[in-house]
Amino acid sequence: MIRRYGLLLAIFYLGPLIFLAGCSSDDPAPVEKDETPPEIAGHFPALNETDVSRIGPYWIAFSEPMDAAAVEAGLVFTPGFACNLFWSGDTLYITPTALLNPGAAYSIVIDGASEDLAGNALGADYAIPFTTTTTNDYLAPEITGTVPADGAADVNGIAVIEISFNEPMNQSSAEGAVQSFPPLHDTWFEWESLTMKVHHAVLPSDSLITVTVGTGAMDLSGNHLAASHVFSFRTRDDDARPYLVSASPSNDASSVPTDLSQVVLTFSEPMDMNSFEMPYECVDARFNQLVREEPSFSPDYSIITVPLARPLLPGCTYWIRFFNVTDGAGNVIDPNPTPYQFTAAGNQTLYPIINDAAWYYRWREGGEATRLITDFNQQGGTFDEVRLSGMGSIEEKVHLRKTSAAIQHLGRSEYEDGVFEMSMIWDDPIPYLKLPIDSYIGSSWAFATIGTINDTTSIDLSGTVEIEPIRVDLVSDELRGTFKSCCIHHLRVEYTISVKGIPVDSGSNHQIMWLAPGVGPVQIIFSDAGGTDTLNVTDWNM
């Protein structure tokens, strides 16, 4: 599936103005940097105000747009109370979710480190002390408006239902009091100060929808609605199939900058956001790895913006197949599936070698492991693959060297709980991978070498390396997607260990690696006489 944080606001770029001959050649005035600290423009309650409502909402107005996360992170309530935070323009609304104590002294402090969007800090803490009223509230709450309004027509089937009250509500009671005919499905609630938003699955096309808010809804003082509130609206009659109008990057775009910050998809009409949860086979696992935040939808749900948290992998093609995605009336996308893809700038590799690059794996049998590239010497080509346990201790170092023709296996070092035990260095390096890998798909080659363990112990190795003659797709549960066109690498080894020239042990190993474009090893299977272990990649950082 595309995690519901998967998708994509058009990016507009205004390049530098070019003045042709005969036009003014004056340079445009430079844009002044905002260096003015923000200020508190107003607030409720007033400083040291008494007889203040125990239910709010309280508000703080700033002189300019603020970094919401920075402001919210620095808020301190003394004594503490649970609340919802909601921004409307430059004003922050603070709505308690339970009654404050009567006749009690409270304080709201805005941290002086709170910043505007240009990074200018408020400069000093700002405290708003106040004292709550002792008067009890016996008035019934009221509903001040709904969206859609009663009697509305041509309503999109995925339009969020909004119910606004005249005072803060006991949220669970209000949510539990909402009923509709026909019933709403997959509902979830969101509060913006005094407004309850009801999200739901797509409603049936051209249908009368009746919503009732029952008298079970009560305010924070326990006062119930005096009477049930009923409103109705009719959904849009829509049998047109939606389609992908445009995208940024555009469909089939190439040489996309690797520092791409977002992907934007624009559809011909409002879409059902829940329908984007598609089978794993329809989503590039590498694309899902980029996404760490929820997508944002335009107000009419026709534009989806997906923020990307990681750089693109050079030369890789990122793809999605929009399968069974529907509009707000339930019409399936045309064509179904609709393909979308773009290719990053740079050269793709099946075996990335980057200093300090890290891959994170999960053993199929349980537990975690990490693979690191360390000590990569650009001139000599040598580097180590370090494997760490889930606890972070070194388990193994594989010593390798990259040449123009191959990646050579030079030997390995073993550790026990992070403590070095022994090293094995091959007399003749093993051609672990021949380069470029794509040129050797369908090829195999043999090797034989001797390794030195210590003054008395040696190991004889022989075996084959094979690159399977086909490309395969690997479906990843860990990343909820598919690695397309993986190359499968087989390393088969027979070994004999000798002490003072006398064989004391022998056996065989078989390692299978799935190499995904741009990522490298995404699945590794180790097989020997003791059984089979499998590592599946869950994340990477390079």
Protein backbone atom coordinates (compact mmCIF):
# COMPACT_ATOMS: atom_id res chain seq x y z
CA MET A 1 0.00 0.00 0.00
CA ILE A 2 1.01 3.62 -0.27
CA ARG A 3 0.88 4.32 3.41
CA ARG A 4 -1.55 6.98 3.34
CA TYR A 5 1.44 9.07 3.53
CA GLY A 6 2.27 8.51 0.09
CA LEU A 7 1.36 11.14 -2.49
CA LEU A 8 1.89 14.41 -4.17
CA LEU A 9 0.77 20.55 -4.89
CA ALA A 10 2.13 21.64 -8.09
CA ILE A 11 5.65 23.08 -7.86
CA PHE A 12 5.92 26.46 -9.49
CA TYR A 13 9.34 27.86 -10.33
CA LEU A 14 9.80 31.46 -11.35
CA GLY A 15 13.25 31.78 -12.88
CA PRO A 16 15.29 35.01 -12.95
CA LEU A 17 13.81 37.74 -15.11
CA ILE A 18 15.63 38.19 -18.43
CA PHE A 19 15.58 41.67 -19.89
CA LEU A 20 15.98 41.84 -23.67
CA ALA A 21 17.75 44.63 -25.57
CA GLY A 22 15.89 47.91 -25.24
CA CYS A 23 14.47 46.99 -21.82
CA SER A 24 15.73 48.26 -18.50
CA SER A 25 18.97 46.63 -17.46
CA ASP A 26 18.65 47.58 -13.79
CA ASP A 27 19.07 44.67 -11.42
CA PRO A 28 15.91 43.81 -9.52
CA ALA A 29 15.90 45.06 -5.95
CA PRO A 30 17.20 42.37 -3.60
CA VAL A 31 14.64 40.71 -1.38
CA GLU A 32 15.07 41.96 2.15
CA LYS A 33 15.69 39.31 4.73
CA ASP A 34 13.21 39.24 7.60
CA GLU A 35 15.21 39.98 10.74
CA THR A 36 12.36 41.42 12.81
CA PRO A 37 11.46 39.39 15.91
CA PRO A 38 7.79 38.44 16.20
CA GLU A 39 5.61 39.92 18.93
CA ILE A 40 2.52 38.95 20.88
CA ALA A 41 -0.21 41.07 19.28
CA GLY A 42 -3.01 40.11 21.66
CA HIS A 43 -4.37 37.31 23.78
CA PHE A 44 -7.23 36.03 25.88
CA PRO A 45 -7.31 36.01 28.83
CA ALA A 46 -5.80 39.43 29.48
CA LEU A 47 -2.87 39.62 31.88
CA ASN A 48 -3.97 38.85 35.44
CA GLU A 49 -7.62 38.69 34.37
CA THR A 50 -10.01 37.17 36.91
CA ASP A 51 -13.34 35.40 36.57
CA VAL A 52 -12.05 33.74 33.38
CA SER A 53 -14.02 30.95 31.70
CA ARG A 54 -12.98 27.48 32.83
CA ILE A 55 -13.56 26.06 29.36
CA GLY A 56 -11.83 28.56 27.06
CA PRO A 57 -11.06 28.62 24.27
CA TYR A 58 -8.04 30.80 25.01
CA TRP A 59 -6.06 32.39 22.20
CA ILE A 60 -2.73 34.05 21.42
CA ALA A 61 -2.33 36.30 18.37
CA PHE A 62 1.13 36.89 16.92
CA SER A 63 2.32 39.80 14.79
CA GLU A 64 3.30 37.52 11.90
CA PRO A 65 3.17 33.88 10.76
CA MET A 66 4.94 31.60 13.21
CA ASP A 67 6.71 28.25 13.17
CA ALA A 68 3.77 26.36 14.66
CA ALA A 69 5.84 23.39 15.84
CA ALA A 70 8.33 25.68 17.62
CA VAL A 71 5.57 27.62 19.38
CA GLU A 72 3.68 24.51 20.46
CA ALA A 73 6.84 22.79 21.70
CA GLY A 74 7.58 25.75 23.99
CA LEU A 75 4.10 26.16 25.54
CA VAL A 76 3.93 25.61 29.30
CA PHE A 77 0.67 25.44 31.27
CA THR A 78 0.86 25.86 35.05
CA PRO A 79 -0.78 23.89 36.48
CA GLY A 80 -0.92 21.57 33.49
CA PHE A 81 -4.16 20.86 31.66
CA ALA A 82 -5.07 18.79 28.59
CA CYS A 83 -6.08 20.77 25.52
CA ASN A 84 -6.33 20.88 21.74
CA LEU A 85 -4.21 23.35 19.78
CA PHE A 86 -5.50 24.91 16.56
CA TRP A 87 -4.08 27.64 14.34
CA SER A 88 -6.17 30.12 12.38
CA GLY A 89 -3.81 32.38 10.50
CA ASP A 90 -1.40 33.94 13.01
CA THR A 91 -3.59 33.06 16.00
CA LEU A 92 -3.20 29.97 18.17
CA TYR A 93 -6.36 28.68 19.89
CA ILE A 94 -6.04 26.64 23.09
CA THR A 95 -9.15 24.62 23.90
CA PRO A 96 -9.22 22.61 27.17
CA THR A 97 -10.62 19.09 26.94
CA ALA A 98 -11.77 19.12 30.58
CA LEU A 99 -12.97 21.80 32.99
CA LEU A 100 -10.26 23.82 34.68
CA ASN A 101 -10.47 24.13 38.46
CA PRO A 102 -12.78 26.89 39.80
CA GLY A 103 -11.20 30.02 41.28
CA ALA A 104 -7.72 28.71 40.50
CA ALA A 105 -4.62 30.57 39.36
CA TYR A 106 -3.28 29.43 35.97
CA SER A 107 -0.52 30.59 33.68
CA ILE A 108 0.18 30.10 29.98
CA VAL A 109 3.83 30.72 29.05
CA ILE A 110 5.07 31.14 25.48
CA ASP A 111 8.77 30.23 25.25
CA GLY A 112 11.05 33.06 24.15
CA ALA A 113 12.69 30.61 21.72
CA SER A 114 9.45 30.44 19.68
CA GLU A 115 10.29 31.48 16.12
CA ASP A 116 8.61 33.05 13.12
CA LEU A 117 8.93 31.43 9.70
CA ALA A 118 12.22 33.28 9.09
CA GLY A 119 13.78 31.86 12.25
CA ASN A 120 13.55 35.04 14.35
CA ALA A 121 12.88 34.23 18.00
CA LEU A 122 10.37 35.95 20.25
CA GLY A 123 13.33 36.78 22.49
CA ALA A 124 11.85 36.43 25.96
CA ASP A 125 9.32 34.22 27.65
CA TYR A 126 5.81 35.69 27.70
CA ALA A 127 3.54 34.69 30.62
CA ILE A 128 -0.24 35.07 30.68
CA PRO A 129 -1.45 34.63 34.29
CA PHE A 130 -5.18 34.46 34.98
CA THR A 131 -7.68 33.20 37.54
CA THR A 132 -10.69 31.08 36.61
CA THR A 133 -14.26 31.85 37.59
CA THR A 134 -16.13 30.19 40.45
CA THR A 135 -19.41 30.43 38.57
CA ASN A 136 -20.91 27.15 37.38
CA ASP A 137 -22.16 26.68 33.81
CA TYR A 138 -25.73 25.41 33.52
CA LEU A 139 -26.43 26.46 29.93
CA ALA A 140 -26.98 23.82 27.27
CA PRO A 141 -24.49 23.88 24.39
CA GLU A 142 -25.69 24.75 20.91
CA ILE A 143 -24.73 23.85 17.36
CA THR A 144 -23.88 27.04 15.47
CA GLY A 145 -23.43 25.61 12.00
CA THR A 146 -22.70 22.57 9.84
CA VAL A 147 -20.81 21.80 6.64
CA PRO A 148 -22.51 20.79 4.41
CA ALA A 149 -25.38 23.09 5.35
CA ASP A 150 -28.85 21.63 5.75
CA GLY A 151 -30.38 21.20 2.29
CA ALA A 152 -27.07 21.40 0.40
CA ALA A 153 -26.88 19.61 -2.96
CA ASP A 154 -24.12 18.38 -5.28
CA VAL A 155 -21.92 17.52 -2.27
CA ASN A 156 -18.77 15.55 -2.95
CA GLY A 157 -19.00 12.03 -1.55
CA ILE A 158 -15.79 12.43 0.46
CA ALA A 159 -16.49 15.91 1.80
CA VAL A 160 -15.59 16.12 5.50
CA ILE A 161 -18.65 16.76 7.65
CA GLU A 162 -18.13 19.68 10.05
CA ILE A 163 -20.25 20.41 13.14
CA SER A 164 -19.49 23.63 15.05
CA PHE A 165 -20.52 24.30 18.66
CA ASN A 166 -20.74 27.52 20.66
CA GLU A 167 -18.43 26.22 23.41
CA PRO A 168 -15.85 23.48 24.02
CA MET A 169 -17.40 20.04 24.16
CA ASN A 170 -16.78 16.75 25.87
CA GLN A 171 -15.29 15.30 22.71
CA SER A 172 -16.07 11.62 23.25
CA SER A 173 -19.72 12.40 24.03
CA ALA A 174 -20.07 14.58 20.93
CA GLU A 175 -18.43 11.99 18.69
CA GLY A 176 -20.63 9.23 20.10
CA ALA A 177 -23.76 11.30 19.48
CA VAL A 178 -23.24 11.45 15.69
CA GLN A 179 -25.43 9.14 13.62
CA SER A 180 -26.31 9.16 9.94
CA PHE A 181 -28.52 7.47 7.40
CA PRO A 182 -27.23 5.74 5.43
CA PRO A 183 -24.52 4.95 7.98
CA LEU A 184 -21.04 6.47 7.69
CA HIS A 185 -18.16 3.98 7.38
CA ASP A 186 -14.50 4.14 8.44
CA THR A 187 -15.16 7.29 10.45
CA TRP A 188 -12.55 9.18 12.44
CA PHE A 189 -12.82 12.52 14.20
CA GLU A 190 -10.68 15.64 14.29
CA TRP A 191 -11.24 18.76 16.40
CA GLU A 192 -10.36 22.32 15.45
CA SER A 193 -11.22 24.41 18.50
CA LEU A 194 -15.06 24.34 18.63
CA THR A 195 -15.51 22.42 15.37
CA MET A 196 -15.78 18.64 15.15
CA LYS A 197 -14.72 17.23 11.79
CA VAL A 198 -16.09 13.84 10.78
CA HIS A 199 -13.92 12.00 8.23
CA HIS A 200 -15.51 9.02 6.51
CA ALA A 201 -15.36 6.61 3.60
CA VAL A 202 -16.90 7.70 0.30
CA LEU A 203 -20.68 8.23 0.46
CA PRO A 204 -22.99 6.74 -2.18
CA SER A 205 -23.53 8.83 -5.31
CA ASP A 206 -26.74 10.90 -5.74
CA SER A 207 -28.05 10.00 -2.29
CA LEU A 208 -29.77 11.89 0.51
CA ILE A 209 -27.56 11.78 3.61
CA THR A 210 -29.15 12.64 6.95
CA VAL A 211 -26.92 13.37 9.96
CA THR A 212 -28.18 13.54 13.53
CA VAL A 213 -26.30 14.87 16.56
CA GLY A 214 -28.13 13.42 19.53
CA THR A 215 -28.66 14.85 23.00
CA GLY A 216 -25.86 12.64 24.30
CA ALA A 217 -23.46 15.39 23.20
CA MET A 218 -22.51 17.49 26.23
CA ASP A 219 -20.21 20.36 27.08
CA LEU A 220 -17.34 20.23 29.57
CA SER A 221 -19.73 21.08 32.44
CA GLY A 222 -21.94 18.11 31.63
CA ASN A 223 -24.78 20.06 30.01
CA HIS A 224 -26.42 18.16 27.14
CA LEU A 225 -27.79 19.49 23.87
CA ALA A 226 -31.35 20.59 24.56
CA ALA A 227 -32.59 18.72 21.47
CA SER A 228 -31.18 16.57 18.71
CA HIS A 229 -29.84 18.51 15.74
CA VAL A 230 -30.69 17.06 12.30
CA PHE A 231 -29.42 18.17 8.90
CA SER A 232 -29.48 16.59 5.43
CA PHE A 233 -27.65 17.00 2.13
CA ARG A 234 -27.55 15.26 -1.24
CA THR A 235 -24.37 13.84 -2.76
CA ARG A 236 -23.24 14.52 -6.30
CA ASP A 237 -24.50 12.41 -9.21
CA ASP A 238 -21.17 11.32 -10.71
CA ASP A 239 -20.38 8.40 -13.01
CA ALA A 240 -17.27 9.90 -14.69
CA ARG A 241 -14.03 8.05 -14.06
CA PRO A 242 -11.19 10.19 -12.67
CA TYR A 243 -7.74 10.39 -14.28
CA LEU A 244 -4.28 11.71 -13.49
CA VAL A 245 -4.12 15.20 -15.01
CA SER A 246 -0.54 16.10 -14.17
CA ALA A 247 2.29 15.37 -11.79
CA SER A 248 5.45 16.97 -10.49
CA PRO A 249 7.86 15.51 -11.37
CA SER A 250 6.01 14.79 -14.60
CA ASN A 251 5.20 11.23 -15.57
CA ASP A 252 8.27 9.54 -17.08
CA ALA A 253 10.50 12.49 -16.13
CA SER A 254 14.23 11.80 -16.22
CA SER A 255 17.25 13.39 -14.52
CA VAL A 256 15.12 14.44 -11.57
CA PRO A 257 17.33 16.13 -8.91
CA THR A 258 18.14 13.76 -6.07
CA ASP A 259 17.22 16.44 -3.51
CA LEU A 260 13.58 16.40 -4.62
CA SER A 261 11.48 17.55 -1.65
CA GLN A 262 7.99 16.48 -2.66
CA VAL A 263 5.89 14.70 -5.26
CA VAL A 264 2.57 16.19 -6.38
CA LEU A 265 -0.30 14.45 -8.13
CA THR A 266 -3.22 16.36 -9.63
CA PHE A 267 -6.36 14.42 -10.50
CA SER A 268 -9.32 15.43 -12.61
CA GLU A 269 -11.64 15.52 -9.61
CA PRO A 270 -11.71 14.95 -5.83
CA MET A 271 -10.36 11.55 -4.84
CA ASP A 272 -11.14 9.11 -2.05
CA MET A 273 -7.96 9.22 0.04
CA ASN A 274 -8.65 5.80 1.56
CA SER A 275 -8.55 4.16 -1.87
CA PHE A 276 -4.82 4.88 -2.19
CA GLU A 277 -4.06 1.94 0.11
CA MET A 278 -3.02 -0.40 -2.70
CA PRO A 279 -1.39 -3.85 -2.86
CA TYR A 280 2.35 -3.98 -2.18
CA GLU A 281 2.96 -5.05 -5.77
CA CYS A 282 1.71 -1.64 -6.96
CA VAL A 283 4.21 0.49 -5.04
CA ASP A 284 7.98 0.87 -5.34
CA ALA A 285 9.50 -0.07 -1.97
CA ARG A 286 12.15 2.60 -2.50
CA PHE A 287 9.41 5.22 -2.86
CA ASN A 288 7.81 4.17 0.41
CA GLN A 289 11.22 4.47 2.08
CA LEU A 290 11.29 8.16 1.13
CA VAL A 291 8.01 8.98 2.86
CA ARG A 292 7.97 9.67 6.59
CA GLU A 293 5.08 12.15 6.87
CA GLU A 294 1.37 12.11 6.10
CA PRO A 295 0.50 13.51 2.66
CA SER A 296 -1.56 16.67 2.43
CA PHE A 297 -4.69 16.95 0.32
CA SER A 298 -6.01 20.12 -1.27
CA PRO A 299 -9.37 21.30 0.18
CA ASP A 300 -11.28 19.56 -2.61
CA TYR A 301 -9.09 16.39 -2.45
CA SER A 302 -8.03 16.64 -6.10
CA ILE A 303 -4.34 17.44 -5.39
CA ILE A 304 -2.19 15.23 -3.19
CA THR A 305 1.22 16.37 -1.97
CA VAL A 306 3.71 13.87 -0.56
CA PRO A 307 6.74 15.27 1.29
CA LEU A 308 9.95 13.29 0.77
CA ALA A 309 12.25 12.84 3.75
CA ARG A 310 15.28 11.29 2.00
CA PRO A 311 17.36 12.00 -1.09
CA LEU A 312 16.59 9.98 -4.21
CA LEU A 313 18.97 7.17 -5.11
CA PRO A 314 20.98 8.15 -8.21
CA GLY A 315 19.72 6.77 -11.51
CA CYS A 316 16.78 4.91 -9.93
CA THR A 317 13.30 4.85 -11.41
CA TYR A 318 10.62 5.43 -8.76
CA TRP A 319 7.19 4.15 -9.67
CA ILE A 320 3.58 3.72 -8.53
CA ARG A 321 0.71 1.88 -10.18
CA PHE A 322 -2.56 3.49 -9.08
CA PHE A 323 -4.74 0.39 -8.88
CA ASN A 324 -8.45 0.56 -7.97
CA VAL A 325 -8.03 4.16 -6.82
CA THR A 326 -11.41 5.91 -6.86
CA ASP A 327 -12.90 9.38 -6.86
CA GLY A 328 -15.32 10.73 -4.29
CA ALA A 329 -18.21 8.92 -5.95
CA GLY A 330 -16.45 5.57 -6.09
CA ASN A 331 -15.58 5.63 -9.79
CA VAL A 332 -12.35 3.76 -10.58
CA ILE A 333 -9.41 5.62 -12.10
CA ASP A 334 -8.99 5.56 -15.89
CA PRO A 335 -6.96 3.64 -16.94
CA ASN A 336 -6.88 1.11 -14.14
CA PRO A 337 -4.09 0.82 -13.14
CA THR A 338 -2.61 4.21 -13.98
CA PRO A 339 1.22 4.11 -14.05
CA TYR A 340 3.35 6.93 -12.71
CA GLN A 341 7.15 7.01 -12.59
CA PHE A 342 10.20 9.27 -12.72
CA THR A 343 13.95 8.65 -12.81
CA ALA A 344 16.53 10.34 -10.59
CA ALA A 345 19.64 11.98 -12.00
CA GLY A 346 22.95 10.14 -11.78
CA ASN A 347 24.22 6.63 -12.40
CA GLN A 348 22.45 3.64 -10.93
CA THR A 349 24.36 0.89 -9.15
CA LEU A 350 23.41 -2.54 -7.87
CA TYR A 351 26.04 -2.48 -5.13
CA PRO A 352 26.50 0.98 -3.60
CA ILE A 353 29.84 1.62 -1.89
CA ILE A 354 29.68 4.82 0.15
CA ASN A 355 31.58 5.50 3.35
CA ASP A 356 29.34 5.29 6.43
CA ALA A 357 26.37 4.06 4.40
CA ALA A 358 24.11 1.90 6.56
CA TRP A 359 21.52 -0.77 5.83
CA TYR A 360 19.14 -2.00 8.52
CA TYR A 361 17.84 -5.56 8.43
CA ARG A 362 15.46 -7.80 10.32
CA TRP A 363 16.10 -11.52 10.69
CA ARG A 364 13.11 -13.54 9.55
CA GLU A 365 13.43 -15.59 12.72
CA GLY A 366 13.48 -12.42 14.88
CA GLY A 367 16.06 -9.82 15.84
CA GLU A 368 17.79 -7.07 13.91
CA ALA A 369 21.14 -6.44 12.26
CA THR A 370 22.93 -3.51 10.63
CA ARG A 371 25.37 -3.50 7.71
CA LEU A 372 27.83 -0.61 7.40
CA ILE A 373 30.36 0.41 4.78
CA THR A 374 33.50 1.65 6.56
CA ASP A 375 37.08 2.61 5.74
CA PHE A 376 36.48 2.96 1.99
CA ASN A 377 39.80 3.98 0.46
CA GLN A 378 39.03 5.73 -2.82
CA GLN A 379 42.57 5.29 -4.13
CA GLY A 380 43.16 1.66 -3.15
CA GLY A 381 39.52 0.58 -3.42
CA THR A 382 39.57 -1.34 -0.11
CA PHE A 383 36.63 -1.17 2.31
CA ASP A 384 34.93 -3.20 5.02
CA GLU A 385 31.38 -4.41 5.33
CA VAL A 386 30.68 -4.41 9.07
CA ARG A 387 27.74 -6.35 10.45
CA LEU A 388 26.34 -5.23 13.82
CA SER A 389 23.94 -7.11 16.06
CA GLY A 390 20.65 -5.62 17.19
CA MET A 391 22.51 -4.48 20.32
CA GLY A 392 25.09 -2.62 18.21
CA SER A 393 28.07 -4.90 18.82
CA ILE A 394 30.31 -6.00 15.92
CA GLU A 395 29.66 -9.55 14.75
CA GLU A 396 31.67 -9.67 11.55
CA LYS A 397 33.85 -7.63 9.20
CA VAL A 398 34.10 -8.65 5.56
CA HIS A 399 37.19 -7.21 3.87
CA LEU A 400 36.63 -6.20 0.23
CA ARG A 401 38.28 -4.27 -2.56
CA LYS A 402 36.73 -2.55 -5.57
CA THR A 403 38.64 -2.52 -8.85
CA SER A 404 37.53 -1.45 -12.29
CA ALA A 405 36.61 -5.06 -13.10
CA ALA A 406 35.38 -6.60 -9.85
CA ILE A 407 34.61 -6.41 -6.17
CA GLN A 408 37.05 -8.79 -4.55
CA HIS A 409 36.50 -10.70 -1.33
CA LEU A 410 39.79 -10.43 0.61
CA GLY A 411 38.85 -12.19 3.85
CA ARG A 412 36.83 -11.77 7.01
CA SER A 413 37.18 -11.12 10.74
CA GLU A 414 34.95 -12.64 13.39
CA TYR A 415 33.87 -11.11 16.71
CA GLU A 416 32.09 -12.43 19.81
CA ASP A 417 29.90 -9.83 21.55
CA GLY A 418 31.97 -7.13 19.89
CA VAL A 419 35.31 -8.65 20.94
CA PHE A 420 37.70 -9.62 18.14
CA GLU A 421 38.29 -13.38 17.84
CA MET A 422 40.13 -14.11 14.60
CA SER A 423 40.76 -13.10 11.00
CA MET A 424 40.91 -15.12 7.80
CA ILE A 425 42.83 -13.60 4.88
CA TRP A 426 42.73 -15.30 1.45
CA ASP A 427 45.96 -15.86 -0.45
CA ASP A 428 44.11 -15.09 -3.69
CA PRO A 429 41.16 -12.69 -3.57
CA ILE A 430 37.79 -14.17 -4.51
CA PRO A 431 36.04 -12.37 -7.42
CA TYR A 432 32.91 -11.72 -5.36
CA LEU A 433 31.18 -9.60 -8.03
CA LYS A 434 32.29 -8.78 -11.55
CA LEU A 435 31.63 -5.26 -12.78
CA PRO A 436 29.49 -3.91 -14.24
CA ILE A 437 27.09 -6.41 -12.67
CA ASP A 438 24.48 -6.03 -15.43
CA SER A 439 27.01 -7.35 -17.95
CA TYR A 440 27.41 -10.64 -16.04
CA ILE A 441 23.77 -11.61 -15.51
CA GLY A 442 23.56 -15.25 -16.57
CA SER A 443 27.26 -15.77 -15.90
CA SER A 444 29.07 -17.90 -13.34
CA TRP A 445 32.71 -18.37 -12.41
CA ALA A 446 34.74 -20.64 -10.18
CA PHE A 447 37.34 -19.77 -7.58
CA ALA A 448 39.77 -21.53 -5.26
CA THR A 449 42.03 -20.08 -2.61
CA ILE A 450 43.69 -20.75 0.74
CA GLY A 451 43.14 -18.67 3.84
CA THR A 452 45.45 -18.16 6.77
CA ILE A 453 43.85 -18.15 10.23
CA ASN A 454 46.98 -18.33 12.39
CA ASP A 455 50.47 -19.90 12.40
CA THR A 456 49.07 -23.45 12.54
CA THR A 457 45.59 -23.19 11.04
CA SER A 458 44.55 -22.69 7.44
CA ILE A 459 41.36 -22.99 5.41
CA ASP A 460 40.97 -24.21 1.83
CA LEU A 461 38.13 -22.59 -0.09
CA SER A 462 36.60 -23.42 -3.44
CA GLY A 463 33.29 -22.65 -5.03
CA THR A 464 31.35 -20.71 -7.60
CA VAL A 465 29.73 -17.34 -8.03
CA GLU A 466 26.61 -17.06 -10.17
CA ILE A 467 24.39 -14.18 -11.23
CA GLU A 468 20.98 -15.62 -12.09
CA PRO A 469 20.10 -15.13 -15.74
CA ILE A 470 16.77 -13.41 -14.95
CA ARG A 471 15.66 -10.30 -13.09
CA VAL A 472 13.03 -10.85 -10.41
CA ASP A 473 10.71 -8.64 -8.34
CA LEU A 474 10.94 -8.95 -4.57
CA VAL A 475 7.85 -8.01 -2.55
CA SER A 476 8.88 -6.55 0.82
CA ASP A 477 6.56 -6.72 3.82
CA GLU A 478 9.05 -4.67 5.82
CA LEU A 479 8.84 -1.69 3.46
CA ARG A 480 5.36 -2.42 2.11
CA GLY A 481 6.30 -2.36 -1.53
CA THR A 482 8.19 -4.08 -4.32
CA PHE A 483 11.83 -4.00 -5.39
CA LYS A 484 11.61 -4.42 -9.17
CA SER A 485 14.24 -6.08 -11.35
CA CYS A 486 16.44 -7.47 -8.61
CA CYS A 487 19.62 -9.25 -9.59
CA ILE A 488 20.22 -12.48 -7.61
CA HIS A 489 23.79 -13.27 -6.60
CA HIS A 490 24.80 -16.78 -5.46
CA LEU A 491 28.01 -17.53 -3.56
CA ARG A 492 28.59 -21.26 -3.02
CA VAL A 493 31.60 -22.26 -0.93
CA GLU A 494 33.17 -25.59 0.05
CA TYR A 495 35.77 -25.34 2.82
CA THR A 496 38.26 -27.52 4.69
CA ILE A 497 40.01 -26.37 7.86
CA SER A 498 43.43 -27.87 8.59
CA VAL A 499 45.67 -27.69 11.64
CA LYS A 500 49.35 -28.30 10.90
CA GLY A 501 48.32 -29.69 7.52
CA ILE A 502 45.79 -32.18 8.94
CA PRO A 503 42.10 -31.64 7.99
CA VAL A 504 39.95 -31.20 11.10
CA ASP A 505 36.68 -29.83 9.74
CA SER A 506 34.84 -29.27 6.46
CA GLY A 507 31.51 -28.05 5.21
CA SER A 508 29.69 -25.84 2.75
CA ASN A 509 27.86 -22.51 2.70
CA HIS A 510 25.48 -20.92 0.25
CA GLN A 511 24.75 -17.18 0.37
CA ILE A 512 22.02 -15.69 -1.82
CA MET A 513 21.71 -11.91 -2.20
CA TRP A 514 18.90 -9.99 -3.86
CA LEU A 515 20.49 -6.81 -5.24
CA ALA A 516 17.95 -4.04 -5.91
CA PRO A 517 18.81 -1.12 -8.24
CA GLY A 518 20.22 1.74 -6.23
CA VAL A 519 19.91 -0.03 -2.89
CA GLY A 520 22.14 -3.08 -3.11
CA PRO A 521 21.45 -6.09 -0.83
CA VAL A 522 17.77 -6.04 0.17
CA GLN A 523 17.52 -9.70 1.12
CA ILE A 524 20.30 -12.09 2.11
CA ILE A 525 19.86 -15.82 2.76
CA PHE A 526 22.56 -17.80 4.57
CA SER A 527 22.36 -21.57 4.22
CA ASP A 528 24.61 -24.29 5.67
CA ALA A 529 24.31 -27.62 7.45
CA GLY A 530 22.88 -25.81 10.48
CA GLY A 531 19.87 -24.44 8.60
CA THR A 532 18.82 -21.28 6.83
CA ASP A 533 18.71 -17.68 8.07
CA THR A 534 17.22 -14.74 6.16
CA LEU A 535 17.87 -11.00 6.48
CA ASN A 536 15.31 -8.55 5.04
CA VAL A 537 16.14 -4.87 4.66
CA THR A 538 13.88 -2.49 6.59
CA ASP A 539 15.64 0.84 5.94
CA TRP A 540 18.88 2.38 4.72
CA ASN A 541 20.78 5.62 5.01
CA MET A 542 23.27 6.65 2.34
